[in-house]
Amino acid sequence: MKTIDIIVPCYNEEEGLEYFVRETNKAIDTLPDYSFRYILINDGSRDKTYLIMKKLAKQFSNIKYISFSRNFGKEAAMYAGLQHACADYVVVMDADLQHPPEVFPQMIEALEKEGYDCCATKRDEREGEGLFRGLFSKLFFKLSNKLTDVKNPYGAMDYRMMTQQMVQAILELSEVQRFSKGIFSWVGFNTKWISFKTVERRMGTTKWKFSSLFKYAIDGITCFSVAPLRFTAIMGAVIFFISLIYIIITLIQTLFFGITTPGYVTTLCAVLFLGGLTEMSIGILGEYIGRIYMETKDRPIYITKFSNFEEENNKEKDKEKDEK
């Protein structure tokens, strides 16, 4: 019997976590030839998510949980789940049921019968998504695919099923500043993309604000590309040559034709333009230096406060002591 681990990052999911497990269990029951296990990660929730996890773990023997000491972010939660996953196949999905478990059979077929290492999902449409947010999302994917070495189709999501070999490859990339969509693509392996139409959350509210999405987009580009740094270098060279041409033209007009050039407007425009470009360049450079600074600290990606994985380990140690 093949085993499948389901990694579910959770942040303030007290309203829908039990419903998510019930609905996912319905999909699991249609696959009796596979053994499923949940790995729920409480990413520093401020509500009763952790208590609900403990309750579910008592009700179902196939539910394991990890609770962080604070909110480390979804990327850290996924990494923690991958570290503890030891099944033949590993699924990463959200707890809001916007990632339908009904596609499990299609994912399994892609891995077992079609020979893929990963079956990932992308969305074609999303009900309730604003026009501005949709345009920003499309722009991000276009820029990311052009500026970085990792390629993802529009609407690519974290929801996917992977082989254990691919999981181990992902775990070798242990950087603190993580962008999982890029990491999934960067490690390679054959990936099949399937699409579906996502709907609004049935319970709870989204945790993603536009500011969070914007920061996420910046992380996605800077984690896998130095193109912004090259852009500033090219801009500096272009401005240098334009300035050089302008200086030559001004000297010729003054020395040979006696034309006086008014200086106030041109000086002001040059100062404002170069000042803005300098600030932008410093900001881009600061983004990369900041990431280098965070990586050199060598801090852990997450800190575990509670986990029933540890409880199991303690029980095994106690049994070994009793046997001795």
C-alpha atoms as a PDB file:
ATOM      1  CA  MET A   1       0.000   0.000   0.000  1.00  0.00           C
ATOM      2  CA  LYS A   2       1.425   3.375  -1.067  1.00  0.00           C
ATOM      3  CA  THR A   3       1.519   6.130   1.550  1.00  0.00           C
ATOM      4  CA  ILE A   4       0.619   9.806   1.033  1.00  0.00           C
ATOM      5  CA  ASP A   5       1.331  12.701   3.414  1.00  0.00           C
ATOM      6  CA  ILE A   6      -0.872  15.810   3.194  1.00  0.00           C
ATOM      7  CA  ILE A   7       0.892  18.975   4.358  1.00  0.00           C
ATOM      8  CA  VAL A   8      -1.519  21.723   5.423  1.00  0.00           C
ATOM      9  CA  PRO A   9      -0.179  25.123   6.592  1.00  0.00           C
ATOM     10  CA  CYS A  10      -2.714  26.743   8.931  1.00  0.00           C
ATOM     11  CA  TYR A  11      -2.994  30.324  10.133  1.00  0.00           C
ATOM     12  CA  ASN A  12      -6.163  31.316  12.003  1.00  0.00           C
ATOM     13  CA  GLU A  13      -8.187  28.457  10.525  1.00  0.00           C
ATOM     14  CA  GLU A  14     -10.390  27.638  13.529  1.00  0.00           C
ATOM     15  CA  GLU A  15     -13.596  28.217  11.550  1.00  0.00           C
ATOM     16  CA  GLY A  16     -12.882  25.780   8.763  1.00  0.00           C
ATOM     17  CA  LEU A  17     -10.231  23.269   9.849  1.00  0.00           C
ATOM     18  CA  GLU A  18     -12.632  20.563  11.028  1.00  0.00           C
ATOM     19  CA  TYR A  19     -14.735  21.029   7.903  1.00  0.00           C
ATOM     20  CA  PHE A  20     -11.602  20.744   5.766  1.00  0.00           C
ATOM     21  CA  VAL A  21     -10.674  17.410   7.374  1.00  0.00           C
ATOM     22  CA  ARG A  22     -14.212  16.039   6.969  1.00  0.00           C
ATOM     23  CA  GLU A  23     -14.381  16.993   3.292  1.00  0.00           C
ATOM     24  CA  THR A  24     -10.867  15.707   2.563  1.00  0.00           C
ATOM     25  CA  ASN A  25     -11.661  12.429   4.304  1.00  0.00           C
ATOM     26  CA  LYS A  26     -14.517  11.952   1.841  1.00  0.00           C
ATOM     27  CA  ALA A  27     -12.025  12.141  -1.028  1.00  0.00           C
ATOM     28  CA  ILE A  28      -9.595   9.854   0.805  1.00  0.00           C
ATOM     29  CA  ASP A  29     -12.302   7.217   1.345  1.00  0.00           C
ATOM     30  CA  THR A  30     -12.582   6.820  -2.438  1.00  0.00           C
ATOM     31  CA  LEU A  31      -8.919   5.711  -2.544  1.00  0.00           C
ATOM     32  CA  PRO A  32      -8.767   2.598  -0.311  1.00  0.00           C
ATOM     33  CA  ASP A  33      -5.503   1.395  -1.864  1.00  0.00           C
ATOM     34  CA  TYR A  34      -3.580   4.329  -0.351  1.00  0.00           C
ATOM     35  CA  SER A  35      -2.756   5.237   3.235  1.00  0.00           C
ATOM     36  CA  PHE A  36      -3.101   8.953   3.957  1.00  0.00           C
ATOM     37  CA  ARG A  37      -1.651  10.999   6.799  1.00  0.00           C
ATOM     38  CA  TYR A  38      -2.235  14.672   7.620  1.00  0.00           C
ATOM     39  CA  ILE A  39       0.587  16.952   8.748  1.00  0.00           C
ATOM     40  CA  LEU A  40      -1.071  20.120  10.052  1.00  0.00           C
ATOM     41  CA  ILE A  41       1.226  23.078  10.752  1.00  0.00           C
ATOM     42  CA  ASN A  42      -0.009  25.810  13.066  1.00  0.00           C
ATOM     43  CA  ASP A  43       1.845  28.907  11.886  1.00  0.00           C
ATOM     44  CA  GLY A  44       1.496  30.961  15.070  1.00  0.00           C
ATOM     45  CA  SER A  45      -2.287  31.314  14.850  1.00  0.00           C
ATOM     46  CA  ARG A  46      -3.958  33.786  17.197  1.00  0.00           C
ATOM     47  CA  ASP A  47      -7.212  31.874  17.454  1.00  0.00           C
ATOM     48  CA  LYS A  48      -8.005  28.317  18.580  1.00  0.00           C
ATOM     49  CA  THR A  49      -6.414  26.571  15.599  1.00  0.00           C
ATOM     50  CA  TYR A  50      -3.910  24.706  17.792  1.00  0.00           C
ATOM     51  CA  LEU A  51      -6.630  23.412  20.138  1.00  0.00           C
ATOM     52  CA  ILE A  52      -8.652  22.179  17.170  1.00  0.00           C
ATOM     53  CA  MET A  53      -5.550  20.411  15.840  1.00  0.00           C
ATOM     54  CA  LYS A  54      -5.131  18.602  19.162  1.00  0.00           C
ATOM     55  CA  LYS A  55      -8.809  17.653  19.133  1.00  0.00           C
ATOM     56  CA  LEU A  56      -8.576  16.289  15.585  1.00  0.00           C
ATOM     57  CA  ALA A  57      -5.397  14.355  16.445  1.00  0.00           C
ATOM     58  CA  LYS A  58      -7.310  12.580  19.224  1.00  0.00           C
ATOM     59  CA  GLN A  59     -10.188  11.761  16.882  1.00  0.00           C
ATOM     60  CA  PHE A  60      -8.080  10.545  13.975  1.00  0.00           C
ATOM     61  CA  SER A  61      -4.896   8.515  14.354  1.00  0.00           C
ATOM     62  CA  ASN A  62      -3.601   9.673  10.963  1.00  0.00           C
ATOM     63  CA  ILE A  63      -3.410  13.352  11.979  1.00  0.00           C
ATOM     64  CA  LYS A  64      -0.091  14.814  13.106  1.00  0.00           C
ATOM     65  CA  TYR A  65       0.516  18.437  13.954  1.00  0.00           C
ATOM     66  CA  ILE A  66       3.335  20.926  14.472  1.00  0.00           C
ATOM     67  CA  SER A  67       2.779  24.241  16.245  1.00  0.00           C
ATOM     68  CA  PHE A  68       5.263  27.107  15.767  1.00  0.00           C
ATOM     69  CA  SER A  69       6.358  29.421  18.571  1.00  0.00           C
ATOM     70  CA  ARG A  70       5.168  32.380  16.448  1.00  0.00           C
ATOM     71  CA  ASN A  71       4.094  33.231  12.922  1.00  0.00           C
ATOM     72  CA  PHE A  72       6.979  32.355  10.563  1.00  0.00           C
ATOM     73  CA  GLY A  73       4.956  32.474   7.345  1.00  0.00           C
ATOM     74  CA  LYS A  74       3.481  29.941   4.940  1.00  0.00           C
ATOM     75  CA  GLU A  75       6.850  29.229   3.320  1.00  0.00           C
ATOM     76  CA  ALA A  76       8.313  28.107   6.656  1.00  0.00           C
ATOM     77  CA  ALA A  77       5.198  26.035   7.376  1.00  0.00           C
ATOM     78  CA  MET A  78       5.524  24.188   4.071  1.00  0.00           C
ATOM     79  CA  TYR A  79       9.213  23.559   4.726  1.00  0.00           C
ATOM     80  CA  ALA A  80       8.432  22.132   8.187  1.00  0.00           C
ATOM     81  CA  GLY A  81       5.838  19.824   6.681  1.00  0.00           C
ATOM     82  CA  LEU A  82       8.233  18.611   4.000  1.00  0.00           C
ATOM     83  CA  GLN A  83      10.863  17.905   6.661  1.00  0.00           C
ATOM     84  CA  HIS A  84       8.461  15.612   8.523  1.00  0.00           C
ATOM     85  CA  ALA A  85       6.949  13.961   5.438  1.00  0.00           C
ATOM     86  CA  CYS A  86       8.224  10.445   4.829  1.00  0.00           C
ATOM     87  CA  ALA A  87       5.489   8.993   2.600  1.00  0.00           C
ATOM     88  CA  ASP A  88       5.864   7.771  -0.970  1.00  0.00           C
ATOM     89  CA  TYR A  89       3.960  10.830  -2.213  1.00  0.00           C
ATOM     90  CA  VAL A  90       3.594  14.230  -0.571  1.00  0.00           C
ATOM     91  CA  VAL A  91       0.772  16.726  -1.096  1.00  0.00           C
ATOM     92  CA  VAL A  92       0.934  20.439  -0.247  1.00  0.00           C
ATOM     93  CA  MET A  93      -2.452  22.157   0.023  1.00  0.00           C
ATOM     94  CA  ASP A  94      -4.321  24.926   1.871  1.00  0.00           C
ATOM     95  CA  ALA A  95      -6.962  24.432   4.538  1.00  0.00           C
ATOM     96  CA  ASP A  96      -9.599  26.656   2.909  1.00  0.00           C
ATOM     97  CA  LEU A  97     -10.787  24.015   0.381  1.00  0.00           C
ATOM     98  CA  GLN A  98      -9.894  26.276  -2.522  1.00  0.00           C
ATOM     99  CA  HIS A  99      -7.558  23.378  -3.305  1.00  0.00           C
ATOM    100  CA  PRO A 100     -10.103  20.612  -3.930  1.00  0.00           C
ATOM    101  CA  PRO A 101      -9.064  17.145  -2.706  1.00  0.00           C
ATOM    102  CA  GLU A 102     -11.207  15.650  -5.474  1.00  0.00           C
ATOM    103  CA  VAL A 103      -8.214  15.940  -7.832  1.00  0.00           C
ATOM    104  CA  PHE A 104      -6.154  13.438  -5.772  1.00  0.00           C
ATOM    105  CA  PRO A 105      -6.940  10.562  -8.192  1.00  0.00           C
ATOM    106  CA  GLN A 106      -5.800  12.660 -11.166  1.00  0.00           C
ATOM    107  CA  MET A 107      -2.566  13.521  -9.343  1.00  0.00           C
ATOM    108  CA  ILE A 108      -1.870   9.902  -8.425  1.00  0.00           C
ATOM    109  CA  GLU A 109      -2.463   8.809 -12.013  1.00  0.00           C
ATOM    110  CA  ALA A 110       0.047  11.410 -13.257  1.00  0.00           C
ATOM    111  CA  LEU A 111       2.736  10.108 -10.901  1.00  0.00           C
ATOM    112  CA  GLU A 112       2.116   6.379 -11.209  1.00  0.00           C
ATOM    113  CA  LYS A 113       0.825   5.790 -14.725  1.00  0.00           C
ATOM    114  CA  GLU A 114       2.237   8.754 -16.655  1.00  0.00           C
ATOM    115  CA  GLY A 115       5.681   8.766 -15.030  1.00  0.00           C
ATOM    116  CA  TYR A 116       5.715  12.334 -13.701  1.00  0.00           C
ATOM    117  CA  ASP A 117       7.572  13.323 -10.537  1.00  0.00           C
ATOM    118  CA  CYS A 118       5.105  16.059  -9.666  1.00  0.00           C
ATOM    119  CA  CYS A 119       1.531  16.969 -10.491  1.00  0.00           C
ATOM    120  CA  ALA A 120       0.915  20.683  -9.867  1.00  0.00           C
ATOM    121  CA  THR A 121      -2.144  22.861 -10.231  1.00  0.00           C
ATOM    122  CA  LYS A 122      -2.865  26.200 -11.848  1.00  0.00           C
ATOM    123  CA  ARG A 123      -6.013  28.263 -11.842  1.00  0.00           C
ATOM    124  CA  ASP A 124      -7.776  29.451 -14.971  1.00  0.00           C
ATOM    125  CA  GLU A 125     -10.290  31.706 -13.292  1.00  0.00           C
ATOM    126  CA  ARG A 126     -11.027  32.817  -9.781  1.00  0.00           C
ATOM    127  CA  GLU A 127     -14.448  33.998  -8.695  1.00  0.00           C
ATOM    128  CA  GLY A 128     -14.506  37.237  -6.755  1.00  0.00           C
ATOM    129  CA  GLU A 129     -11.005  38.364  -7.686  1.00  0.00           C
ATOM    130  CA  GLY A 130     -10.715  42.088  -8.342  1.00  0.00           C
ATOM    131  CA  LEU A 131      -9.620  43.431 -11.715  1.00  0.00           C
ATOM    132  CA  PHE A 132      -6.550  45.210 -10.316  1.00  0.00           C
ATOM    133  CA  ARG A 133      -5.435  42.159  -8.364  1.00  0.00           C
ATOM    134  CA  GLY A 134      -5.857  39.946 -11.425  1.00  0.00           C
ATOM    135  CA  LEU A 135      -3.803  42.312 -13.602  1.00  0.00           C
ATOM    136  CA  PHE A 136      -1.084  42.464 -10.953  1.00  0.00           C
ATOM    137  CA  SER A 137      -0.976  38.659 -10.795  1.00  0.00           C
ATOM    138  CA  LYS A 138      -0.609  38.363 -14.588  1.00  0.00           C
ATOM    139  CA  LEU A 139       2.119  41.017 -14.601  1.00  0.00           C
ATOM    140  CA  PHE A 140       4.020  39.174 -11.877  1.00  0.00           C
ATOM    141  CA  PHE A 141       4.057  35.871 -13.768  1.00  0.00           C
ATOM    142  CA  LYS A 142       5.181  37.579 -16.983  1.00  0.00           C
ATOM    143  CA  LEU A 143       8.011  39.447 -15.245  1.00  0.00           C
ATOM    144  CA  SER A 144       9.053  36.440 -13.216  1.00  0.00           C
ATOM    145  CA  ASN A 145       9.278  34.179 -16.270  1.00  0.00           C
ATOM    146  CA  LYS A 146      11.296  36.771 -18.205  1.00  0.00           C
ATOM    147  CA  LEU A 147      13.663  37.851 -15.424  1.00  0.00           C
ATOM    148  CA  THR A 148      14.340  34.519 -13.701  1.00  0.00           C
ATOM    149  CA  ASP A 149      15.486  31.041 -14.663  1.00  0.00           C
ATOM    150  CA  VAL A 150      12.392  29.426 -13.146  1.00  0.00           C
ATOM    151  CA  LYS A 151       9.302  29.198 -15.331  1.00  0.00           C
ATOM    152  CA  ASN A 152       5.755  28.870 -14.042  1.00  0.00           C
ATOM    153  CA  PRO A 153       2.516  29.071 -16.031  1.00  0.00           C
ATOM    154  CA  TYR A 154       0.058  31.816 -15.193  1.00  0.00           C
ATOM    155  CA  GLY A 155      -1.990  30.932 -12.138  1.00  0.00           C
ATOM    156  CA  ALA A 156       0.531  28.414 -10.780  1.00  0.00           C
ATOM    157  CA  MET A 157      -0.309  27.359  -7.231  1.00  0.00           C
ATOM    158  CA  ASP A 158       1.493  25.618  -4.380  1.00  0.00           C
ATOM    159  CA  TYR A 159      -1.112  22.823  -4.448  1.00  0.00           C
ATOM    160  CA  ARG A 160       0.665  19.769  -5.810  1.00  0.00           C
ATOM    161  CA  MET A 161       1.619  16.123  -5.263  1.00  0.00           C
ATOM    162  CA  MET A 162       5.292  15.126  -5.396  1.00  0.00           C
ATOM    163  CA  THR A 163       7.429  12.028  -5.128  1.00  0.00           C
ATOM    164  CA  GLN A 164       9.673  11.598  -2.101  1.00  0.00           C
ATOM    165  CA  GLN A 165      12.720  12.031  -4.342  1.00  0.00           C
ATOM    166  CA  MET A 166      11.575  15.512  -5.323  1.00  0.00           C
ATOM    167  CA  VAL A 167      10.825  16.371  -1.688  1.00  0.00           C
ATOM    168  CA  GLN A 168      14.363  15.465  -0.665  1.00  0.00           C
ATOM    169  CA  ALA A 169      15.737  17.673  -3.447  1.00  0.00           C
ATOM    170  CA  ILE A 170      13.639  20.602  -2.194  1.00  0.00           C
ATOM    171  CA  LEU A 171      14.890  20.115   1.375  1.00  0.00           C
ATOM    172  CA  GLU A 172      18.466  20.550   0.169  1.00  0.00           C
ATOM    173  CA  LEU A 173      17.593  24.192  -0.559  1.00  0.00           C
ATOM    174  CA  SER A 174      17.542  25.429   3.027  1.00  0.00           C
ATOM    175  CA  GLU A 175      17.667  29.198   2.524  1.00  0.00           C
ATOM    176  CA  VAL A 176      15.709  31.320   4.991  1.00  0.00           C
ATOM    177  CA  GLN A 177      14.261  33.634   2.329  1.00  0.00           C
ATOM    178  CA  ARG A 178      12.082  31.086   0.553  1.00  0.00           C
ATOM    179  CA  PHE A 179       9.878  31.263  -2.518  1.00  0.00           C
ATOM    180  CA  SER A 180       8.454  27.789  -2.919  1.00  0.00           C
ATOM    181  CA  LYS A 181       6.947  28.238  -6.381  1.00  0.00           C
ATOM    182  CA  GLY A 182      10.438  29.058  -7.647  1.00  0.00           C
ATOM    183  CA  ILE A 183      12.066  26.270  -5.642  1.00  0.00           C
ATOM    184  CA  PHE A 184       9.600  23.686  -6.986  1.00  0.00           C
ATOM    185  CA  SER A 185      10.547  24.744 -10.511  1.00  0.00           C
ATOM    186  CA  TRP A 186      14.282  25.190  -9.863  1.00  0.00           C
ATOM    187  CA  VAL A 187      14.881  21.619  -8.632  1.00  0.00           C
ATOM    188  CA  GLY A 188      13.619  20.328 -11.939  1.00  0.00           C
ATOM    189  CA  PHE A 189      11.835  16.949 -12.229  1.00  0.00           C
ATOM    190  CA  ASN A 190       9.008  16.272 -14.653  1.00  0.00           C
ATOM    191  CA  THR A 191       5.892  18.214 -13.712  1.00  0.00           C
ATOM    192  CA  LYS A 192       2.389  17.869 -15.096  1.00  0.00           C
ATOM    193  CA  TRP A 193       0.140  20.917 -14.794  1.00  0.00           C
ATOM    194  CA  ILE A 194      -3.585  20.510 -14.320  1.00  0.00           C
ATOM    195  CA  SER A 195      -6.019  23.415 -14.156  1.00  0.00           C
ATOM    196  CA  PHE A 196      -9.268  24.010 -12.319  1.00  0.00           C
ATOM    197  CA  LYS A 197     -11.542  26.886 -11.414  1.00  0.00           C
ATOM    198  CA  THR A 198     -11.121  28.067  -7.844  1.00  0.00           C
ATOM    199  CA  VAL A 199     -13.961  29.547  -5.818  1.00  0.00           C
ATOM    200  CA  GLU A 200     -14.310  31.805  -2.815  1.00  0.00           C
ATOM    201  CA  ARG A 201     -13.518  30.460   0.644  1.00  0.00           C
ATOM    202  CA  ARG A 202     -16.464  28.719   2.245  1.00  0.00           C
ATOM    203  CA  MET A 203     -15.361  29.676   5.765  1.00  0.00           C
ATOM    204  CA  GLY A 204     -13.030  32.273   7.250  1.00  0.00           C
ATOM    205  CA  THR A 205     -11.294  35.094   5.413  1.00  0.00           C
ATOM    206  CA  THR A 206      -8.216  35.291   3.230  1.00  0.00           C
ATOM    207  CA  LYS A 207      -4.914  36.109   4.974  1.00  0.00           C
ATOM    208  CA  TRP A 208      -3.394  37.623   1.848  1.00  0.00           C
ATOM    209  CA  LYS A 209      -3.587  41.412   1.601  1.00  0.00           C
ATOM    210  CA  PHE A 210      -2.299  43.302  -1.430  1.00  0.00           C
ATOM    211  CA  SER A 211       0.755  44.483   0.527  1.00  0.00           C
ATOM    212  CA  SER A 212       1.581  40.863   1.389  1.00  0.00           C
ATOM    213  CA  LEU A 213       1.170  39.803  -2.232  1.00  0.00           C
ATOM    214  CA  PHE A 214       3.406  42.663  -3.390  1.00  0.00           C
ATOM    215  CA  LYS A 215       6.143  41.611  -0.948  1.00  0.00           C
ATOM    216  CA  TYR A 216       5.691  38.009  -2.078  1.00  0.00           C
ATOM    217  CA  ALA A 217       6.178  39.106  -5.704  1.00  0.00           C
ATOM    218  CA  ILE A 218       9.374  40.976  -4.816  1.00  0.00           C
ATOM    219  CA  ASP A 219      10.644  37.866  -3.012  1.00  0.00           C
ATOM    220  CA  GLY A 220       9.871  35.739  -6.060  1.00  0.00           C
ATOM    221  CA  ILE A 221      11.977  37.904  -8.371  1.00  0.00           C
ATOM    222  CA  THR A 222      14.898  38.705  -6.068  1.00  0.00           C
ATOM    223  CA  CYS A 223      15.275  35.109  -4.841  1.00  0.00           C
ATOM    224  CA  PHE A 224      15.941  33.781  -8.340  1.00  0.00           C
ATOM    225  CA  SER A 225      17.269  36.681 -10.393  1.00  0.00           C
ATOM    226  CA  VAL A 226      19.863  39.471 -10.373  1.00  0.00           C
ATOM    227  CA  ALA A 227      18.134  41.208 -13.289  1.00  0.00           C
ATOM    228  CA  PRO A 228      17.150  44.270 -11.186  1.00  0.00           C
ATOM    229  CA  LEU A 229      20.823  44.846 -10.373  1.00  0.00           C
ATOM    230  CA  ARG A 230      21.746  44.572 -14.045  1.00  0.00           C
ATOM    231  CA  PHE A 231      18.941  46.970 -14.901  1.00  0.00           C
ATOM    232  CA  THR A 232      20.389  49.659 -12.621  1.00  0.00           C
ATOM    233  CA  ALA A 233      23.843  49.144 -14.142  1.00  0.00           C
ATOM    234  CA  ILE A 234      22.441  49.509 -17.674  1.00  0.00           C
ATOM    235  CA  MET A 235      20.473  52.601 -16.661  1.00  0.00           C
ATOM    236  CA  GLY A 236      23.640  54.132 -15.205  1.00  0.00           C
ATOM    237  CA  ALA A 237      25.535  53.494 -18.452  1.00  0.00           C
ATOM    238  CA  VAL A 238      22.712  54.937 -20.586  1.00  0.00           C
ATOM    239  CA  ILE A 239      22.511  58.086 -18.455  1.00  0.00           C
ATOM    240  CA  PHE A 240      26.288  58.475 -18.605  1.00  0.00           C
ATOM    241  CA  PHE A 241      26.328  58.409 -22.405  1.00  0.00           C
ATOM    242  CA  ILE A 242      23.326  60.749 -22.686  1.00  0.00           C
ATOM    243  CA  SER A 243      24.989  63.168 -20.266  1.00  0.00           C
ATOM    244  CA  LEU A 244      28.246  62.959 -22.221  1.00  0.00           C
ATOM    245  CA  ILE A 245      26.453  63.775 -25.497  1.00  0.00           C
ATOM    246  CA  TYR A 246      24.586  66.640 -23.828  1.00  0.00           C
ATOM    247  CA  ILE A 247      27.862  68.089 -22.460  1.00  0.00           C
ATOM    248  CA  ILE A 248      29.492  67.928 -25.899  1.00  0.00           C
ATOM    249  CA  ILE A 249      26.503  69.616 -27.572  1.00  0.00           C
ATOM    250  CA  THR A 250      26.451  72.356 -24.915  1.00  0.00           C
ATOM    251  CA  LEU A 251      30.187  73.032 -25.332  1.00  0.00           C
ATOM    252  CA  ILE A 252      29.866  73.263 -29.126  1.00  0.00           C
ATOM    253  CA  GLN A 253      26.903  75.657 -28.871  1.00  0.00           C
ATOM    254  CA  THR A 254      28.715  77.879 -26.373  1.00  0.00           C
ATOM    255  CA  LEU A 255      32.220  77.900 -27.888  1.00  0.00           C
ATOM    256  CA  PHE A 256      31.403  78.023 -31.605  1.00  0.00           C
ATOM    257  CA  PHE A 257      27.947  79.624 -31.808  1.00  0.00           C
ATOM    258  CA  GLY A 258      27.822  81.730 -28.662  1.00  0.00           C
ATOM    259  CA  ILE A 259      24.466  80.292 -27.591  1.00  0.00           C
ATOM    260  CA  THR A 260      23.840  80.623 -23.861  1.00  0.00           C
ATOM    261  CA  THR A 261      22.112  77.664 -22.248  1.00  0.00           C
ATOM    262  CA  PRO A 262      19.665  78.463 -19.386  1.00  0.00           C
ATOM    263  CA  GLY A 263      20.769  76.410 -16.418  1.00  0.00           C
ATOM    264  CA  TYR A 264      17.951  76.470 -13.842  1.00  0.00           C
ATOM    265  CA  VAL A 265      15.419  74.158 -15.501  1.00  0.00           C
ATOM    266  CA  THR A 266      17.970  71.716 -16.925  1.00  0.00           C
ATOM    267  CA  THR A 267      19.856  71.539 -13.629  1.00  0.00           C
ATOM    268  CA  LEU A 268      16.675  70.953 -11.640  1.00  0.00           C
ATOM    269  CA  CYS A 269      15.457  68.214 -13.999  1.00  0.00           C
ATOM    270  CA  ALA A 270      18.857  66.504 -13.966  1.00  0.00           C
ATOM    271  CA  VAL A 271      19.087  66.619 -10.160  1.00  0.00           C
ATOM    272  CA  LEU A 272      15.570  65.233  -9.667  1.00  0.00           C
ATOM    273  CA  PHE A 273      16.009  62.524 -12.279  1.00  0.00           C
ATOM    274  CA  LEU A 274      19.411  61.372 -11.071  1.00  0.00           C
ATOM    275  CA  GLY A 275      18.320  61.644  -7.430  1.00  0.00           C
ATOM    276  CA  GLY A 276      15.301  59.427  -8.050  1.00  0.00           C
ATOM    277  CA  LEU A 277      17.365  56.927 -10.017  1.00  0.00           C
ATOM    278  CA  THR A 278      19.988  56.842  -7.254  1.00  0.00           C
ATOM    279  CA  GLU A 279      17.351  56.205  -4.579  1.00  0.00           C
ATOM    280  CA  MET A 280      15.811  53.419  -6.666  1.00  0.00           C
ATOM    281  CA  SER A 281      19.232  51.842  -7.239  1.00  0.00           C
ATOM    282  CA  ILE A 282      20.065  51.988  -3.548  1.00  0.00           C
ATOM    283  CA  GLY A 283      16.694  50.395  -2.749  1.00  0.00           C
ATOM    284  CA  ILE A 284      17.243  47.514  -5.178  1.00  0.00           C
ATOM    285  CA  LEU A 285      20.760  46.997  -3.892  1.00  0.00           C
ATOM    286  CA  GLY A 286      19.422  47.121  -0.342  1.00  0.00           C
ATOM    287  CA  GLU A 287      16.958  44.309  -1.088  1.00  0.00           C
ATOM    288  CA  TYR A 288      19.795  41.998  -2.096  1.00  0.00           C
ATOM    289  CA  ILE A 289      22.114  43.069   0.727  1.00  0.00           C
ATOM    290  CA  GLY A 290      19.282  42.535   3.196  1.00  0.00           C
ATOM    291  CA  ARG A 291      18.798  38.987   1.948  1.00  0.00           C
ATOM    292  CA  ILE A 292      22.514  38.292   2.210  1.00  0.00           C
ATOM    293  CA  TYR A 293      22.423  39.678   5.768  1.00  0.00           C
ATOM    294  CA  MET A 294      19.508  37.426   6.753  1.00  0.00           C
ATOM    295  CA  GLU A 295      21.113  34.333   5.243  1.00  0.00           C
ATOM    296  CA  THR A 296      24.476  34.919   6.965  1.00  0.00           C
ATOM    297  CA  LYS A 297      22.731  34.961  10.356  1.00  0.00           C
ATOM    298  CA  ASP A 298      22.021  31.248   9.818  1.00  0.00           C
ATOM    299  CA  ARG A 299      18.818  31.424  11.849  1.00  0.00           C
ATOM    300  CA  PRO A 300      16.379  28.493  11.819  1.00  0.00           C
ATOM    301  CA  ILE A 301      13.555  28.692   9.317  1.00  0.00           C
ATOM    302  CA  TYR A 302      11.041  27.960  12.094  1.00  0.00           C
ATOM    303  CA  ILE A 303      10.872  27.057  15.800  1.00  0.00           C
ATOM    304  CA  THR A 304       8.558  24.319  17.050  1.00  0.00           C
ATOM    305  CA  LYS A 305       6.639  24.896  20.273  1.00  0.00           C
ATOM    306  CA  PHE A 306       4.366  21.830  20.325  1.00  0.00           C
ATOM    307  CA  SER A 307       4.236  18.714  18.165  1.00  0.00           C
ATOM    308  CA  ASN A 308       2.776  15.238  18.504  1.00  0.00           C
ATOM    309  CA  PHE A 309       5.763  14.014  16.478  1.00  0.00           C
ATOM    310  CA  GLU A 310       7.834  14.740  19.585  1.00  0.00           C
ATOM    311  CA  GLU A 311       5.260  12.983  21.759  1.00  0.00           C
ATOM    312  CA  GLU A 312       5.650   9.845  19.650  1.00  0.00           C
ATOM    313  CA  ASN A 313       9.438  10.030  19.898  1.00  0.00           C
ATOM    314  CA  ASN A 314       9.218  10.345  23.675  1.00  0.00           C
ATOM    315  CA  LYS A 315       6.925   7.309  23.857  1.00  0.00           C
ATOM    316  CA  GLU A 316       9.357   5.273  21.770  1.00  0.00           C
ATOM    317  CA  LYS A 317      12.239   6.295  24.035  1.00  0.00           C
ATOM    318  CA  ASP A 318      10.223   5.299  27.105  1.00  0.00           C
ATOM    319  CA  LYS A 319       9.487   1.900  25.569  1.00  0.00           C
ATOM    320  CA  GLU A 320      13.187   1.374  24.854  1.00  0.00           C
ATOM    321  CA  LYS A 321      14.014   2.226  28.471  1.00  0.00           C
ATOM    322  CA  ASP A 322      11.372  -0.206  29.762  1.00  0.00           C
ATOM    323  CA  GLU A 323      12.700  -2.968  27.529  1.00  0.00           C
ATOM    324  CA  LYS A 324      16.235  -2.410  28.840  1.00  0.00           C
END
